[in-house]
């Protein structure tokens, strides 16, 4: 587990949950393109990754939950831990509640 772990239960069909998780990561990539250098999903869309100079993140979607683990790199990122965690929680709440 990384510095930040956020998990949300959902009652969506798996395909819908995967679509919402993919949309979430795409929106982060658009808004924070200066911080994100690489994103991707495995073939079945249940595991995603994002990385940049200050973090690596792993997204996992299954039939019941979506989870995000973020490892922060460097002091600047660790100082922002609270804000990053708050933002991730808010975004998961919007997409999965």
Protein backbone atom coordinates (compact mmCIF):
# COMPACT_ATOMS: atom_id res chain seq x y z
CA UNK A 1 0.00 0.00 0.00
CA UNK A 2 1.14 3.53 -0.72
CA UNK A 3 1.04 6.76 1.24
CA UNK A 4 -2.64 7.19 0.39
CA UNK A 5 -5.28 4.45 0.10
CA UNK A 6 -8.85 5.31 -0.84
CA UNK A 7 -11.53 2.71 -1.45
CA UNK A 8 -15.21 2.96 -2.23
CA UNK A 9 -17.86 0.27 -2.43
CA UNK A 10 -20.19 0.41 -5.40
CA UNK A 11 -23.29 -1.36 -6.69
CA UNK A 12 -22.62 -0.73 -10.38
CA UNK A 13 -22.23 -3.33 -13.09
CA UNK A 14 -18.52 -4.02 -13.52
CA UNK A 15 -18.41 -2.48 -17.01
CA UNK A 16 -19.98 0.75 -15.72
CA UNK A 17 -17.56 0.87 -12.77
CA UNK A 18 -14.61 0.41 -15.15
CA UNK A 19 -15.93 3.18 -17.39
CA UNK A 20 -16.29 5.58 -14.47
CA UNK A 21 -12.81 4.77 -13.17
CA UNK A 22 -11.33 5.28 -16.66
CA UNK A 23 -13.21 8.62 -16.95
CA UNK A 24 -11.88 9.71 -13.56
CA UNK A 25 -8.29 9.00 -14.53
CA UNK A 26 -8.78 10.71 -17.90
CA UNK A 27 -10.13 13.86 -16.21
CA UNK A 28 -7.16 13.91 -13.83
CA UNK A 29 -4.86 13.50 -16.82
CA UNK A 30 -6.51 16.43 -18.63
CA UNK A 31 -6.53 18.75 -15.61
CA UNK A 32 -3.09 17.80 -14.30
CA UNK A 33 -1.20 16.98 -17.48
CA UNK A 34 1.80 18.92 -16.17
CA UNK A 35 2.07 16.43 -13.27
CA UNK A 36 1.11 13.17 -14.99
CA UNK A 37 3.58 11.64 -17.42
CA UNK A 38 2.02 8.23 -18.04
CA UNK A 39 -1.35 6.51 -17.64
CA UNK A 40 -2.67 3.14 -18.74
CA UNK A 41 -5.06 0.29 -18.12
CA UNK A 42 -4.66 -3.47 -18.40
CA UNK A 43 -6.50 -5.31 -21.19
CA UNK A 44 -9.68 -5.98 -19.20
CA UNK A 45 -9.82 -2.50 -17.65
CA UNK A 46 -9.67 -3.61 -14.02
CA UNK A 47 -6.19 -2.25 -13.19
CA UNK A 48 -4.95 1.20 -14.09
CA UNK A 49 -1.80 3.16 -13.40
CA UNK A 50 -0.75 6.78 -13.43
CA UNK A 51 2.67 8.20 -12.71
CA UNK A 52 4.62 11.41 -12.68
CA UNK A 53 7.64 12.99 -11.03
CA UNK A 54 5.89 13.24 -7.67
CA UNK A 55 3.75 10.09 -7.49
CA UNK A 56 2.70 6.68 -8.75
CA UNK A 57 -0.91 5.53 -8.49
CA UNK A 58 -2.66 2.20 -8.96
CA UNK A 59 -6.39 1.92 -9.61
CA UNK A 60 -8.25 -1.36 -9.08
CA UNK A 61 -11.88 -1.94 -10.04
CA UNK A 62 -13.81 -5.09 -9.18
CA UNK A 63 -17.45 -6.12 -8.87
CA UNK A 64 -17.85 -4.44 -5.47
CA UNK A 65 -15.15 -1.81 -4.98
CA UNK A 66 -12.86 0.71 -6.61
CA UNK A 67 -9.60 1.50 -4.88
CA UNK A 68 -6.69 3.83 -5.44
CA UNK A 69 -3.24 3.54 -3.90
CA UNK A 70 -0.92 6.50 -4.31
CA UNK A 71 2.77 6.54 -3.44
CA UNK A 72 4.15 10.05 -3.06
CA UNK A 73 7.71 10.93 -4.08
CA UNK A 74 9.60 13.79 -2.47
CA UNK A 75 8.92 16.32 0.22
CA UNK A 76 6.74 18.59 -1.90
CA UNK A 77 4.31 15.77 -2.66
CA UNK A 78 4.25 14.56 0.94
CA UNK A 79 3.41 18.08 2.14
CA UNK A 80 0.35 17.96 -0.14
CA UNK A 81 -0.75 14.51 1.09
CA UNK A 82 -3.85 15.77 2.90
CA UNK A 83 -5.10 17.77 -0.08
CA UNK A 84 -4.38 14.93 -2.52
CA UNK A 85 -6.25 12.45 -0.33
CA UNK A 86 -9.20 14.82 0.11
CA UNK A 87 -9.44 15.40 -3.64
CA UNK A 88 -9.30 11.67 -4.41
CA UNK A 89 -12.02 10.92 -1.85
CA UNK A 90 -14.26 13.65 -3.26
CA UNK A 91 -13.80 12.45 -6.83
CA UNK A 92 -14.48 8.81 -5.96
CA UNK A 93 -17.58 9.89 -4.02
CA UNK A 94 -18.85 11.79 -7.07
CA UNK A 95 -18.23 8.93 -9.47
CA UNK A 96 -19.31 5.98 -7.31
CA UNK A 97 -22.04 7.22 -4.94
